[in-house]
Amino acid sequence: MSIIRNYRGALFRVLIGVLPLLGFAGMLTFTESTNALASTAISTCSSSQLTVAEYSSGAFSAAGNHGVAFLIVNISKRACSLEGYPKLQLNPSSYKGKSTKVTDNGWGEIFVTVPPRLVVIEPGATASFGLNYTDASNQGDPNAGPCMTQSATAWLPVRPHPYSVPFTTAVNINFCWANFHLGVTSIQHGPIPKQS
């Protein structure tokens, strides 16, 4: 009888020791599944939820380096998310048979390299990306006219849809002076990309 009593006492002590661990593991599982649900509940933005424009409040320049910030505004009534890089096409973008090249996290010292991450944009809120270039690489070509862009067209990593459209906004860059090479940052939170 005392053996059974000792066995019950030992079993009770083991259960008392294990229950908090089980509860903690359960809380971790609940927290992880809640976080997973929260991240999957916000869908990728569609192009109809957004608008894109050049940020026009001030210049981003330092020692021959220049940056252009682009705002992405959620004009819908629902939060959505973006992740990655925009694809940009400048217009015009070539001179004397040479065309501009826009690379992800390309050179430039105004907006810093930030690895792509999921950016949730609430209704009415903004995200951004930046375009880096220099003006000291090739000043032998014209300082206006055929080397000046008039607009930039951006394709964002939105949810694919038959009615998805790119965004076009006015922008003035001398791509000849930039030696036809510009770099675009990843999409980031807030109205201005991270600066160096």
N, C-alpha and C. Protein backbone atom coordinates (compact mmCIF):
# COMPACT_ATOMS: atom_id res chain seq x y z
N MET A 1 0.83 -1.19 0.00
CA MET A 1 0.00 0.00 0.00
C MET A 1 0.86 1.25 0.00
N SER A 2 1.98 1.23 0.78
CA SER A 2 2.86 2.39 0.84
C SER A 2 3.60 2.56 -0.49
N ILE A 3 3.84 1.46 -1.21
CA ILE A 3 4.49 1.55 -2.52
C ILE A 3 3.56 2.29 -3.48
N ILE A 4 2.27 1.95 -3.45
CA ILE A 4 1.29 2.61 -4.32
C ILE A 4 1.20 4.09 -3.96
N ARG A 5 1.20 4.39 -2.64
CA ARG A 5 1.12 5.77 -2.19
C ARG A 5 2.35 6.55 -2.68
N ASN A 6 3.54 5.94 -2.56
CA ASN A 6 4.78 6.59 -3.01
C ASN A 6 4.76 6.79 -4.53
N TYR A 7 4.22 5.78 -5.24
CA TYR A 7 4.13 5.87 -6.70
C TYR A 7 3.21 7.01 -7.11
N ARG A 8 2.04 7.13 -6.40
CA ARG A 8 1.12 8.23 -6.70
C ARG A 8 1.77 9.58 -6.41
N GLY A 9 2.47 9.69 -5.30
CA GLY A 9 3.15 10.93 -4.92
C GLY A 9 4.19 11.33 -5.96
N ALA A 10 4.96 10.35 -6.44
CA ALA A 10 5.98 10.63 -7.45
C ALA A 10 5.32 11.06 -8.76
N LEU A 11 4.26 10.37 -9.15
CA LEU A 11 3.54 10.71 -10.38
C LEU A 11 2.95 12.13 -10.28
N PHE A 12 2.42 12.47 -9.11
CA PHE A 12 1.85 13.80 -8.90
C PHE A 12 2.93 14.87 -9.04
N ARG A 13 4.14 14.62 -8.45
CA ARG A 13 5.24 15.60 -8.54
C ARG A 13 5.71 15.76 -9.98
N VAL A 14 5.75 14.68 -10.75
CA VAL A 14 6.16 14.74 -12.15
C VAL A 14 5.16 15.57 -12.95
N LEU A 15 3.85 15.30 -12.70
CA LEU A 15 2.83 16.05 -13.42
C LEU A 15 2.89 17.54 -13.09
N ILE A 16 3.10 17.87 -11.82
CA ILE A 16 3.19 19.27 -11.41
C ILE A 16 4.39 19.94 -12.10
N GLY A 17 5.48 19.20 -12.26
CA GLY A 17 6.66 19.75 -12.94
C GLY A 17 6.46 19.89 -14.44
N VAL A 18 5.71 19.00 -15.05
CA VAL A 18 5.55 18.98 -16.50
C VAL A 18 4.46 19.94 -16.98
N LEU A 19 3.41 20.14 -16.21
CA LEU A 19 2.29 20.99 -16.63
C LEU A 19 2.71 22.41 -17.03
N PRO A 20 3.57 23.09 -16.26
CA PRO A 20 3.97 24.44 -16.71
C PRO A 20 4.70 24.40 -18.05
N LEU A 21 5.50 23.36 -18.26
CA LEU A 21 6.20 23.24 -19.54
C LEU A 21 5.22 23.04 -20.68
N LEU A 22 4.20 22.21 -20.46
CA LEU A 22 3.20 21.99 -21.49
C LEU A 22 2.43 23.28 -21.78
N GLY A 23 2.12 24.02 -20.72
CA GLY A 23 1.41 25.29 -20.90
C GLY A 23 2.25 26.28 -21.68
N PHE A 24 3.57 26.35 -21.37
CA PHE A 24 4.46 27.25 -22.08
C PHE A 24 4.57 26.86 -23.55
N ALA A 25 4.69 25.55 -23.83
CA ALA A 25 4.75 25.08 -25.21
C ALA A 25 3.47 25.41 -25.95
N GLY A 26 2.34 25.25 -25.25
CA GLY A 26 1.06 25.59 -25.86
C GLY A 26 0.96 27.07 -26.19
N MET A 27 1.50 27.92 -25.27
CA MET A 27 1.48 29.36 -25.52
C MET A 27 2.35 29.70 -26.73
N LEU A 28 3.52 29.06 -26.85
CA LEU A 28 4.39 29.29 -28.00
C LEU A 28 3.68 28.92 -29.29
N THR A 29 3.04 27.75 -29.27
CA THR A 29 2.33 27.31 -30.47
C THR A 29 1.22 28.27 -30.82
N PHE A 30 0.48 28.73 -29.81
CA PHE A 30 -0.61 29.68 -30.04
C PHE A 30 -0.07 30.99 -30.60
N THR A 31 1.04 31.49 -29.99
CA THR A 31 1.63 32.75 -30.45
C THR A 31 2.12 32.62 -31.89
N GLU A 32 2.81 31.50 -32.20
CA GLU A 32 3.32 31.31 -33.56
C GLU A 32 2.17 31.23 -34.56
N SER A 33 1.11 30.49 -34.20
CA SER A 33 0.01 30.37 -35.14
C SER A 33 -0.74 31.70 -35.27
N THR A 34 -0.82 32.49 -34.19
CA THR A 34 -1.46 33.80 -34.26
C THR A 34 -0.66 34.72 -35.17
N ASN A 35 0.70 34.71 -35.01
CA ASN A 35 1.55 35.54 -35.87
C ASN A 35 1.42 35.10 -37.32
N ALA A 36 1.36 33.81 -37.56
CA ALA A 36 1.23 33.31 -38.93
C ALA A 36 -0.10 33.75 -39.52
N LEU A 37 -1.16 33.68 -38.73
CA LEU A 37 -2.47 34.12 -39.21
C LEU A 37 -2.47 35.61 -39.50
N ALA A 38 -1.82 36.39 -38.61
CA ALA A 38 -1.80 37.84 -38.81
C ALA A 38 -1.06 38.20 -40.09
N SER A 39 0.07 37.51 -40.37
CA SER A 39 0.84 37.85 -41.57
C SER A 39 0.15 37.38 -42.84
N THR A 40 -0.63 36.29 -42.75
CA THR A 40 -1.31 35.82 -43.95
C THR A 40 -2.65 36.50 -44.16
N ALA A 41 -3.17 37.16 -43.12
CA ALA A 41 -4.47 37.80 -43.24
C ALA A 41 -4.40 39.05 -44.12
N ILE A 42 -3.22 39.67 -44.23
CA ILE A 42 -3.07 40.87 -45.04
C ILE A 42 -2.58 40.46 -46.41
N SER A 43 -3.42 40.68 -47.41
CA SER A 43 -3.09 40.21 -48.75
C SER A 43 -2.14 41.18 -49.46
N THR A 44 -1.53 40.68 -50.51
CA THR A 44 -0.67 41.50 -51.35
C THR A 44 -1.52 42.58 -52.01
N CYS A 45 -0.98 43.79 -52.10
CA CYS A 45 -1.71 44.89 -52.71
C CYS A 45 -2.03 44.59 -54.17
N SER A 46 -3.14 45.12 -54.64
CA SER A 46 -3.43 45.13 -56.07
C SER A 46 -3.13 46.54 -56.57
N SER A 47 -2.92 46.69 -57.85
CA SER A 47 -2.58 48.02 -58.38
C SER A 47 -3.72 49.02 -58.16
N SER A 48 -4.95 48.54 -58.08
CA SER A 48 -6.09 49.45 -57.88
C SER A 48 -6.12 50.04 -56.47
N GLN A 49 -5.36 49.45 -55.53
CA GLN A 49 -5.33 49.97 -54.17
C GLN A 49 -4.30 51.07 -53.98
N LEU A 50 -3.43 51.28 -54.96
CA LEU A 50 -2.27 52.13 -54.77
C LEU A 50 -2.18 53.27 -55.77
N THR A 51 -1.40 54.27 -55.41
CA THR A 51 -0.97 55.29 -56.35
C THR A 51 0.49 55.59 -56.06
N VAL A 52 1.24 56.02 -57.07
CA VAL A 52 2.67 56.29 -56.93
C VAL A 52 2.96 57.69 -57.44
N ALA A 53 3.80 58.43 -56.71
CA ALA A 53 4.19 59.77 -57.13
C ALA A 53 5.59 60.06 -56.63
N GLU A 54 6.28 60.98 -57.31
CA GLU A 54 7.59 61.41 -56.83
C GLU A 54 7.41 62.25 -55.57
N TYR A 55 8.26 62.01 -54.58
CA TYR A 55 8.25 62.81 -53.37
C TYR A 55 8.84 64.17 -53.73
N SER A 56 8.10 65.24 -53.52
CA SER A 56 8.53 66.54 -54.04
C SER A 56 8.91 67.56 -52.96
N SER A 57 9.07 67.13 -51.73
CA SER A 57 9.39 68.08 -50.66
C SER A 57 10.88 68.06 -50.33
N GLY A 58 11.69 68.65 -51.20
CA GLY A 58 13.11 68.75 -50.91
C GLY A 58 13.96 67.84 -51.78
N ALA A 59 15.22 68.24 -51.93
CA ALA A 59 16.17 67.49 -52.76
C ALA A 59 16.97 66.54 -51.89
N PHE A 60 17.42 65.46 -52.50
CA PHE A 60 18.28 64.50 -51.83
C PHE A 60 19.59 64.47 -52.61
N SER A 61 20.56 65.27 -52.17
CA SER A 61 21.83 65.40 -52.89
C SER A 61 22.98 65.56 -51.92
N ALA A 62 24.16 65.03 -52.32
CA ALA A 62 25.37 65.21 -51.53
C ALA A 62 26.57 64.81 -52.39
N ALA A 63 27.46 65.77 -52.64
CA ALA A 63 28.75 65.52 -53.30
C ALA A 63 28.61 64.74 -54.60
N GLY A 64 27.74 65.19 -55.48
CA GLY A 64 27.59 64.53 -56.78
C GLY A 64 26.66 63.34 -56.77
N ASN A 65 26.15 62.96 -55.60
CA ASN A 65 25.20 61.86 -55.49
C ASN A 65 23.80 62.43 -55.34
N HIS A 66 22.85 61.79 -56.00
CA HIS A 66 21.47 62.28 -55.97
C HIS A 66 20.51 61.12 -55.71
N GLY A 67 19.35 61.46 -55.17
CA GLY A 67 18.32 60.47 -54.95
C GLY A 67 16.95 61.05 -55.24
N VAL A 68 16.10 60.22 -55.76
CA VAL A 68 14.70 60.59 -55.98
C VAL A 68 13.86 59.61 -55.16
N ALA A 69 13.01 60.13 -54.29
CA ALA A 69 12.13 59.28 -53.48
C ALA A 69 10.77 59.19 -54.15
N PHE A 70 10.17 58.01 -54.11
CA PHE A 70 8.85 57.79 -54.68
C PHE A 70 7.92 57.33 -53.57
N LEU A 71 6.76 57.96 -53.48
CA LEU A 71 5.73 57.59 -52.50
C LEU A 71 4.81 56.54 -53.09
N ILE A 72 4.44 55.57 -52.28
CA ILE A 72 3.40 54.61 -52.62
C ILE A 72 2.30 54.82 -51.60
N VAL A 73 1.13 55.24 -52.02
CA VAL A 73 0.03 55.55 -51.10
C VAL A 73 -1.08 54.52 -51.28
N ASN A 74 -1.54 53.98 -50.15
CA ASN A 74 -2.69 53.06 -50.17
C ASN A 74 -3.96 53.90 -50.19
N ILE A 75 -4.62 53.96 -51.34
CA ILE A 75 -5.83 54.79 -51.49
C ILE A 75 -7.10 53.98 -51.23
N SER A 76 -6.95 52.73 -50.83
CA SER A 76 -8.12 51.88 -50.58
C SER A 76 -8.52 51.94 -49.11
N LYS A 77 -9.54 51.18 -48.75
CA LYS A 77 -10.02 51.14 -47.36
C LYS A 77 -9.56 49.87 -46.65
N ARG A 78 -8.59 49.17 -47.25
CA ARG A 78 -8.13 47.89 -46.69
C ARG A 78 -6.60 47.87 -46.67
N ALA A 79 -6.01 47.39 -45.58
CA ALA A 79 -4.55 47.25 -45.52
C ALA A 79 -4.11 46.20 -46.53
N CYS A 80 -2.93 46.39 -47.07
CA CYS A 80 -2.35 45.41 -48.00
C CYS A 80 -0.85 45.45 -47.84
N SER A 81 -0.15 44.55 -48.51
CA SER A 81 1.30 44.45 -48.32
C SER A 81 2.04 44.35 -49.65
N LEU A 82 3.31 44.78 -49.61
CA LEU A 82 4.22 44.66 -50.74
C LEU A 82 5.55 44.15 -50.22
N GLU A 83 6.30 43.48 -51.08
CA GLU A 83 7.64 43.02 -50.72
C GLU A 83 8.49 42.94 -51.98
N GLY A 84 9.69 43.50 -51.91
CA GLY A 84 10.61 43.38 -53.03
C GLY A 84 10.98 44.72 -53.63
N TYR A 85 11.30 44.68 -54.91
CA TYR A 85 11.76 45.86 -55.64
C TYR A 85 10.76 46.25 -56.73
N PRO A 86 10.61 47.55 -56.97
CA PRO A 86 9.86 47.96 -58.16
C PRO A 86 10.75 47.79 -59.38
N LYS A 87 10.15 47.65 -60.52
CA LYS A 87 10.88 47.67 -61.79
C LYS A 87 10.61 49.02 -62.43
N LEU A 88 11.66 49.73 -62.80
CA LEU A 88 11.50 51.08 -63.32
C LEU A 88 11.94 51.19 -64.77
N GLN A 89 11.20 51.97 -65.53
CA GLN A 89 11.55 52.32 -66.91
C GLN A 89 11.49 53.84 -67.02
N LEU A 90 12.63 54.44 -67.38
CA LEU A 90 12.68 55.89 -67.55
C LEU A 90 12.32 56.25 -68.99
N ASN A 91 11.72 57.43 -69.15
CA ASN A 91 11.33 57.86 -70.49
C ASN A 91 11.69 59.33 -70.68
N PRO A 92 12.50 59.68 -71.68
CA PRO A 92 13.27 58.78 -72.52
C PRO A 92 14.38 58.11 -71.70
N SER A 93 15.01 57.10 -72.29
CA SER A 93 16.00 56.34 -71.53
C SER A 93 17.24 55.98 -72.34
N SER A 94 17.37 56.56 -73.53
CA SER A 94 18.56 56.23 -74.33
C SER A 94 19.05 57.47 -75.07
N TYR A 95 20.33 57.44 -75.41
CA TYR A 95 20.96 58.53 -76.15
C TYR A 95 22.13 57.97 -76.95
N LYS A 96 22.14 58.25 -78.25
CA LYS A 96 23.20 57.77 -79.15
C LYS A 96 23.41 56.26 -79.04
N GLY A 97 22.30 55.51 -78.98
CA GLY A 97 22.37 54.05 -78.96
C GLY A 97 22.70 53.43 -77.62
N LYS A 98 22.86 54.22 -76.58
CA LYS A 98 23.16 53.69 -75.24
C LYS A 98 21.93 53.88 -74.36
N SER A 99 21.53 52.82 -73.63
CA SER A 99 20.31 52.87 -72.81
C SER A 99 20.62 52.83 -71.32
N THR A 100 19.71 53.39 -70.54
CA THR A 100 19.88 53.37 -69.08
C THR A 100 19.67 51.97 -68.54
N LYS A 101 20.34 51.72 -67.42
CA LYS A 101 20.19 50.45 -66.71
C LYS A 101 19.86 50.78 -65.26
N VAL A 102 18.74 50.23 -64.77
CA VAL A 102 18.33 50.43 -63.38
C VAL A 102 18.48 49.09 -62.67
N THR A 103 19.35 49.05 -61.65
CA THR A 103 19.61 47.79 -60.95
C THR A 103 19.08 47.84 -59.52
N ASP A 104 18.70 46.68 -58.99
CA ASP A 104 18.26 46.58 -57.60
C ASP A 104 19.44 46.90 -56.69
N ASN A 105 19.20 47.81 -55.72
CA ASN A 105 20.25 48.24 -54.78
C ASN A 105 21.52 48.64 -55.49
N GLY A 106 21.36 49.28 -56.65
CA GLY A 106 22.53 49.73 -57.41
C GLY A 106 23.27 50.84 -56.71
N TRP A 107 24.28 51.31 -57.35
CA TRP A 107 25.16 52.29 -56.73
C TRP A 107 24.46 53.61 -56.43
N GLY A 108 25.08 54.36 -55.57
CA GLY A 108 24.54 55.63 -55.11
C GLY A 108 24.67 55.69 -53.61
N GLU A 109 24.77 56.89 -53.09
CA GLU A 109 25.04 57.03 -51.66
C GLU A 109 23.98 57.83 -50.91
N ILE A 110 22.82 57.99 -51.51
CA ILE A 110 21.77 58.73 -50.82
C ILE A 110 20.87 57.78 -50.02
N PHE A 111 20.27 56.81 -50.71
CA PHE A 111 19.41 55.82 -50.04
C PHE A 111 20.18 54.53 -49.88
N VAL A 112 20.20 54.00 -48.66
CA VAL A 112 21.03 52.84 -48.35
C VAL A 112 20.35 51.53 -48.77
N THR A 113 21.15 50.50 -48.86
CA THR A 113 20.66 49.17 -49.19
C THR A 113 19.88 48.61 -48.00
N VAL A 114 18.65 48.22 -48.23
CA VAL A 114 17.82 47.58 -47.20
C VAL A 114 17.29 46.29 -47.81
N PRO A 115 17.54 45.14 -47.18
CA PRO A 115 17.03 43.88 -47.75
C PRO A 115 15.51 43.92 -47.88
N PRO A 116 14.96 43.33 -48.92
CA PRO A 116 13.50 43.32 -49.08
C PRO A 116 12.83 42.66 -47.88
N ARG A 117 11.75 43.26 -47.42
CA ARG A 117 10.95 42.68 -46.34
C ARG A 117 9.49 43.04 -46.57
N LEU A 118 8.61 42.30 -45.92
CA LEU A 118 7.18 42.54 -46.08
C LEU A 118 6.82 43.90 -45.48
N VAL A 119 6.18 44.75 -46.28
CA VAL A 119 5.77 46.08 -45.84
C VAL A 119 4.25 46.14 -45.88
N VAL A 120 3.62 46.30 -44.73
CA VAL A 120 2.16 46.43 -44.64
C VAL A 120 1.82 47.91 -44.75
N ILE A 121 0.91 48.24 -45.67
CA ILE A 121 0.50 49.63 -45.88
C ILE A 121 -0.97 49.75 -45.47
N GLU A 122 -1.20 50.47 -44.39
CA GLU A 122 -2.57 50.68 -43.90
C GLU A 122 -3.31 51.65 -44.82
N PRO A 123 -4.63 51.68 -44.78
CA PRO A 123 -5.38 52.64 -45.60
C PRO A 123 -4.93 54.08 -45.34
N GLY A 124 -4.62 54.81 -46.40
CA GLY A 124 -4.17 56.19 -46.27
C GLY A 124 -2.71 56.35 -45.93
N ALA A 125 -2.01 55.25 -45.63
CA ALA A 125 -0.60 55.32 -45.25
C ALA A 125 0.30 55.21 -46.47
N THR A 126 1.60 55.44 -46.25
CA THR A 126 2.55 55.43 -47.35
C THR A 126 3.68 54.44 -47.14
N ALA A 127 4.21 53.97 -48.24
CA ALA A 127 5.48 53.26 -48.29
C ALA A 127 6.32 54.01 -49.32
N SER A 128 7.54 53.57 -49.57
CA SER A 128 8.38 54.31 -50.49
C SER A 128 9.48 53.44 -51.07
N PHE A 129 10.11 53.95 -52.11
CA PHE A 129 11.36 53.39 -52.62
C PHE A 129 12.16 54.56 -53.17
N GLY A 130 13.46 54.35 -53.34
CA GLY A 130 14.31 55.43 -53.80
C GLY A 130 15.11 55.04 -55.03
N LEU A 131 15.52 56.05 -55.77
CA LEU A 131 16.35 55.87 -56.95
C LEU A 131 17.64 56.65 -56.73
N ASN A 132 18.77 55.96 -56.78
CA ASN A 132 20.09 56.57 -56.58
C ASN A 132 20.79 56.76 -57.91
N TYR A 133 21.52 57.88 -58.05
CA TYR A 133 22.36 58.08 -59.22
C TYR A 133 23.38 59.17 -58.92
N THR A 134 24.38 59.31 -59.77
CA THR A 134 25.37 60.37 -59.63
C THR A 134 25.24 61.31 -60.81
N ASP A 135 25.81 62.51 -60.68
CA ASP A 135 25.83 63.41 -61.83
C ASP A 135 27.26 63.74 -62.24
N ALA A 136 28.22 63.03 -61.68
CA ALA A 136 29.61 63.34 -61.96
C ALA A 136 30.30 62.26 -62.79
N SER A 137 29.54 61.30 -63.30
CA SER A 137 30.15 60.19 -64.01
C SER A 137 30.47 60.52 -65.46
N ASN A 138 29.67 61.41 -66.08
CA ASN A 138 29.84 61.66 -67.50
C ASN A 138 29.18 62.99 -67.86
N GLN A 139 29.90 64.09 -67.63
CA GLN A 139 29.31 65.41 -67.90
C GLN A 139 29.68 65.93 -69.29
N GLY A 140 30.23 65.07 -70.12
CA GLY A 140 30.55 65.46 -71.48
C GLY A 140 29.34 65.48 -72.39
N ASP A 141 28.27 64.79 -71.99
CA ASP A 141 27.05 64.75 -72.81
C ASP A 141 26.15 65.92 -72.45
N PRO A 142 25.07 66.13 -73.21
CA PRO A 142 24.23 67.31 -72.99
C PRO A 142 23.69 67.41 -71.57
N ASN A 143 23.52 68.67 -71.12
CA ASN A 143 22.98 68.87 -69.78
C ASN A 143 21.46 69.07 -69.80
N ALA A 144 20.86 68.86 -70.94
CA ALA A 144 19.40 68.95 -71.06
C ALA A 144 18.97 68.21 -72.32
N GLY A 145 17.73 68.44 -72.72
CA GLY A 145 17.23 67.86 -73.97
C GLY A 145 17.21 66.35 -73.99
N PRO A 146 17.98 65.72 -74.89
CA PRO A 146 17.85 64.28 -75.10
C PRO A 146 18.26 63.41 -73.92
N CYS A 147 19.01 63.96 -72.97
CA CYS A 147 19.45 63.16 -71.82
C CYS A 147 18.57 63.34 -70.59
N MET A 148 17.55 64.17 -70.68
CA MET A 148 16.69 64.42 -69.52
C MET A 148 15.43 63.55 -69.58
N THR A 149 15.21 62.82 -68.50
CA THR A 149 13.97 62.03 -68.43
C THR A 149 12.79 62.98 -68.22
N GLN A 150 11.64 62.52 -68.64
CA GLN A 150 10.40 63.26 -68.39
C GLN A 150 9.50 62.51 -67.42
N SER A 151 9.64 61.18 -67.41
CA SER A 151 8.80 60.38 -66.52
C SER A 151 9.47 59.07 -66.17
N ALA A 152 8.94 58.43 -65.15
CA ALA A 152 9.37 57.09 -64.76
C ALA A 152 8.11 56.23 -64.64
N THR A 153 8.17 55.03 -65.19
CA THR A 153 7.06 54.09 -65.05
C THR A 153 7.51 52.98 -64.11
N ALA A 154 6.71 52.71 -63.08
CA ALA A 154 7.06 51.72 -62.05
C ALA A 154 6.08 50.57 -62.08
N TRP A 155 6.61 49.35 -62.10
CA TRP A 155 5.83 48.15 -61.93
C TRP A 155 6.12 47.66 -60.52
N LEU A 156 5.11 47.66 -59.66
CA LEU A 156 5.28 47.21 -58.28
C LEU A 156 4.98 45.72 -58.18
N PRO A 157 5.54 45.05 -57.16
CA PRO A 157 5.27 43.62 -56.98
C PRO A 157 3.87 43.40 -56.39
N VAL A 158 2.84 43.77 -57.18
CA VAL A 158 1.45 43.66 -56.73
C VAL A 158 0.89 42.28 -57.07
N ARG A 159 -0.31 42.02 -56.54
CA ARG A 159 -1.01 40.77 -56.83
C ARG A 159 -1.34 40.73 -58.32
N PRO A 160 -0.98 39.66 -59.02
CA PRO A 160 -1.27 39.58 -60.46
C PRO A 160 -2.77 39.66 -60.72
N HIS A 161 -3.12 40.41 -61.74
CA HIS A 161 -4.53 40.58 -62.09
C HIS A 161 -4.58 41.05 -63.54
N PRO A 162 -5.56 40.62 -64.30
CA PRO A 162 -5.64 41.04 -65.71
C PRO A 162 -5.68 42.56 -65.88
N TYR A 163 -6.17 43.27 -64.86
CA TYR A 163 -6.28 44.72 -64.98
C TYR A 163 -5.17 45.47 -64.25
N SER A 164 -4.09 44.76 -63.86
CA SER A 164 -2.96 45.42 -63.20
C SER A 164 -2.30 46.39 -64.17
N VAL A 165 -1.96 47.56 -63.68
CA VAL A 165 -1.34 48.57 -64.53
C VAL A 165 -0.10 49.11 -63.84
N PRO A 166 0.90 49.54 -64.62
CA PRO A 166 2.05 50.20 -64.01
C PRO A 166 1.68 51.64 -63.64
N PHE A 167 2.54 52.29 -62.90
CA PHE A 167 2.31 53.66 -62.46
C PHE A 167 3.33 54.57 -63.13
N THR A 168 2.89 55.70 -63.66
CA THR A 168 3.80 56.64 -64.30
C THR A 168 3.74 57.97 -63.57
N THR A 169 4.91 58.54 -63.29
CA THR A 169 4.99 59.83 -62.61
C THR A 169 6.10 60.66 -63.23
N ALA A 170 5.98 61.97 -63.16
CA ALA A 170 6.99 62.86 -63.71
C ALA A 170 8.27 62.77 -62.90
N VAL A 171 9.41 62.78 -63.58
CA VAL A 171 10.71 62.79 -62.90
C VAL A 171 11.75 63.32 -63.88
N ASN A 172 12.67 64.16 -63.39
CA ASN A 172 13.71 64.75 -64.24
C ASN A 172 15.09 64.33 -63.76
N ILE A 173 15.76 63.51 -64.56
CA ILE A 173 17.10 63.02 -64.25
C ILE A 173 17.93 63.11 -65.52
N ASN A 174 19.15 63.61 -65.41
CA ASN A 174 20.07 63.57 -66.55
C ASN A 174 20.77 62.22 -66.54
N PHE A 175 20.26 61.28 -67.32
CA PHE A 175 20.80 59.92 -67.30
C PHE A 175 22.15 59.82 -68.00
N CYS A 176 22.48 60.76 -68.88
CA CYS A 176 23.82 60.78 -69.47
C CYS A 176 24.86 61.10 -68.40
N TRP A 177 24.57 62.12 -67.60
CA TRP A 177 25.51 62.49 -66.53
C TRP A 177 25.63 61.37 -65.50
N ALA A 178 24.57 60.58 -65.34
CA ALA A 178 24.63 59.43 -64.43
C ALA A 178 25.33 58.24 -65.09
N ASN A 179 25.84 58.46 -66.30
CA ASN A 179 26.50 57.41 -67.08
C ASN A 179 25.57 56.22 -67.31
N PHE A 180 24.27 56.51 -67.45
CA PHE A 180 23.24 55.53 -67.81
C PHE A 180 23.01 54.45 -66.74
N HIS A 181 23.50 54.67 -65.53
CA HIS A 181 23.37 53.65 -64.48
C HIS A 181 22.71 54.26 -63.25
N LEU A 182 21.58 53.66 -62.82
CA LEU A 182 20.86 54.10 -61.64
C LEU A 182 20.51 52.88 -60.80
N GLY A 183 20.31 53.09 -59.51
CA GLY A 183 19.97 51.98 -58.62
C GLY A 183 18.69 52.24 -57.87
N VAL A 184 17.84 51.24 -57.74
CA VAL A 184 16.57 51.38 -57.04
C VAL A 184 16.62 50.57 -55.75
N THR A 185 16.02 51.12 -54.68
CA THR A 185 15.98 50.43 -53.39
C THR A 185 14.78 49.49 -53.32
N SER A 186 14.76 48.68 -52.29
CA SER A 186 13.58 47.87 -52.01
C SER A 186 12.47 48.77 -51.46
N ILE A 187 11.26 48.26 -51.47
CA ILE A 187 10.11 49.00 -50.93
C ILE A 187 10.21 48.99 -49.40
N GLN A 188 9.99 50.18 -48.80
CA GLN A 188 10.18 50.34 -47.36
C GLN A 188 8.99 51.06 -46.74
N HIS A 189 8.90 50.98 -45.40
CA HIS A 189 7.85 51.70 -44.66
C HIS A 189 8.11 53.20 -44.72
N GLY A 190 7.05 54.00 -44.71
CA GLY A 190 7.16 55.44 -44.57
C GLY A 190 7.35 56.17 -45.89
N PRO A 191 7.28 57.51 -45.84
CA PRO A 191 7.31 58.31 -47.07
C PRO A 191 8.69 58.51 -47.68
N ILE A 192 9.76 58.23 -46.93
CA ILE A 192 11.11 58.40 -47.46
C ILE A 192 11.92 57.16 -47.15
N PRO A 193 12.61 56.58 -48.17
CA PRO A 193 13.45 55.41 -47.90
C PRO A 193 14.60 55.77 -46.94
N LYS A 194 15.17 54.77 -46.31
CA LYS A 194 16.27 54.98 -45.37
C LYS A 194 17.44 55.64 -46.08
N GLN A 195 17.97 56.70 -45.46
CA GLN A 195 19.08 57.45 -46.05
C GLN A 195 20.39 57.15 -45.34
N SER A 196 21.49 57.39 -46.07
CA SER A 196 22.82 57.14 -45.47
C SER A 196 23.25 58.32 -44.63
